[in-house]
């Protein structure tokens, strides 16, 4: 699958986010976990890739089967709701 530059940037952003599981990347972009790892290795500096891999390997939130909650999305109690977003008020 050929991804546009904007899509590659979004995949990298999602891969760095702690609470975004690989399954969400697969659903949105059709990339399996191994393909995301290959993309990260290709697009990042070696030191950044190693730091990311260390961070992701033991993180249960990056793997849907290891998550502690079943349905819905995690939302921090301090996170503002979308209705308070300035963009939606334009």
Protein backbone atom coordinates (compact mmCIF):
# COMPACT_ATOMS: atom_id res chain seq x y z
CA UNK A 1 0.00 0.00 0.00
CA UNK A 2 1.35 3.41 -1.01
CA UNK A 3 0.79 6.11 1.62
CA UNK A 4 0.89 9.84 1.06
CA UNK A 5 3.27 11.98 3.13
CA UNK A 6 0.40 13.24 5.30
CA UNK A 7 -0.72 9.68 5.96
CA UNK A 8 2.80 8.60 6.92
CA UNK A 9 3.00 11.53 9.34
CA UNK A 10 -0.33 10.52 10.88
CA UNK A 11 0.74 6.87 11.24
CA UNK A 12 3.93 7.99 13.01
CA UNK A 13 1.92 10.28 15.27
CA UNK A 14 -0.52 7.48 16.14
CA UNK A 15 2.33 5.03 16.75
CA UNK A 16 3.93 7.45 19.24
CA UNK A 17 0.67 7.96 21.13
CA UNK A 18 0.58 5.67 24.15
CA UNK A 19 -3.15 5.00 24.10
CA UNK A 20 -3.57 4.41 20.37
CA UNK A 21 -3.47 0.64 19.75
CA UNK A 22 -1.96 -0.88 16.64
CA UNK A 23 -5.43 -2.15 15.81
CA UNK A 24 -6.58 1.47 15.30
CA UNK A 25 -3.74 2.03 12.81
CA UNK A 26 -4.69 -1.20 11.03
CA UNK A 27 -8.34 -0.13 10.88
CA UNK A 28 -7.57 3.35 9.55
CA UNK A 29 -4.61 2.69 7.24
CA UNK A 30 -4.58 -1.08 6.64
CA UNK A 31 -1.08 -1.48 8.13
CA UNK A 32 -0.39 -4.42 10.42
CA UNK A 33 1.85 -4.03 13.46
CA UNK A 34 4.92 -5.36 11.62
CA UNK A 35 4.28 -2.93 8.75
CA UNK A 36 4.05 -0.03 11.21
CA UNK A 37 7.36 -1.11 12.74
CA UNK A 38 8.96 -1.25 9.28
CA UNK A 39 7.56 2.21 8.44
CA UNK A 40 8.89 3.64 11.72
CA UNK A 41 12.31 2.08 11.09
CA UNK A 42 12.39 3.53 7.57
CA UNK A 43 11.11 7.03 8.41
CA UNK A 44 12.88 7.74 11.70
CA UNK A 45 16.45 8.25 12.81
CA UNK A 46 17.92 5.03 14.26
CA UNK A 47 18.12 6.49 17.79
CA UNK A 48 14.49 7.68 17.66
CA UNK A 49 13.36 4.28 16.38
CA UNK A 50 15.17 2.47 19.21
CA UNK A 51 13.60 4.81 21.78
CA UNK A 52 10.14 4.23 20.28
CA UNK A 53 10.58 0.43 20.24
CA UNK A 54 11.64 0.38 23.88
CA UNK A 55 8.63 2.49 24.76
CA UNK A 56 6.12 0.39 22.80
CA UNK A 57 7.29 -3.16 23.53
CA UNK A 58 6.03 -3.41 27.08
CA UNK A 59 3.06 -1.06 26.78
CA UNK A 60 -0.25 -2.86 27.16
CA UNK A 61 -2.23 0.07 25.74
CA UNK A 62 -0.62 -0.39 22.31
CA UNK A 63 -2.09 -3.88 21.97
CA UNK A 64 -5.86 -4.29 21.99
CA UNK A 65 -5.80 -7.74 23.59
CA UNK A 66 -3.78 -6.45 26.55
CA UNK A 67 -5.96 -3.43 27.29
CA UNK A 68 -7.78 -3.31 30.60
CA UNK A 69 -11.01 -1.83 29.25
CA UNK A 70 -13.23 -3.57 26.74
CA UNK A 71 -15.45 -1.04 25.01
CA UNK A 72 -15.26 2.62 24.20
CA UNK A 73 -12.27 4.88 24.25
CA UNK A 74 -10.21 6.03 27.17
CA UNK A 75 -10.70 9.68 27.95
CA UNK A 76 -8.88 11.47 30.72
CA UNK A 77 -11.15 13.29 33.16
CA UNK A 78 -9.08 16.44 32.60
CA UNK A 79 -9.49 16.32 28.81
CA UNK A 80 -11.82 18.94 27.37
CA UNK A 81 -14.77 17.72 25.43
CA UNK A 82 -14.93 18.34 21.70
CA UNK A 83 -17.82 20.78 22.11
CA UNK A 84 -15.47 23.18 23.90
CA UNK A 85 -13.06 23.12 20.99
CA UNK A 86 -12.54 26.56 19.42
CA UNK A 87 -12.73 25.12 15.92
CA UNK A 88 -16.29 23.87 16.38
CA UNK A 89 -17.45 27.33 17.49
CA UNK A 90 -16.57 29.03 14.19
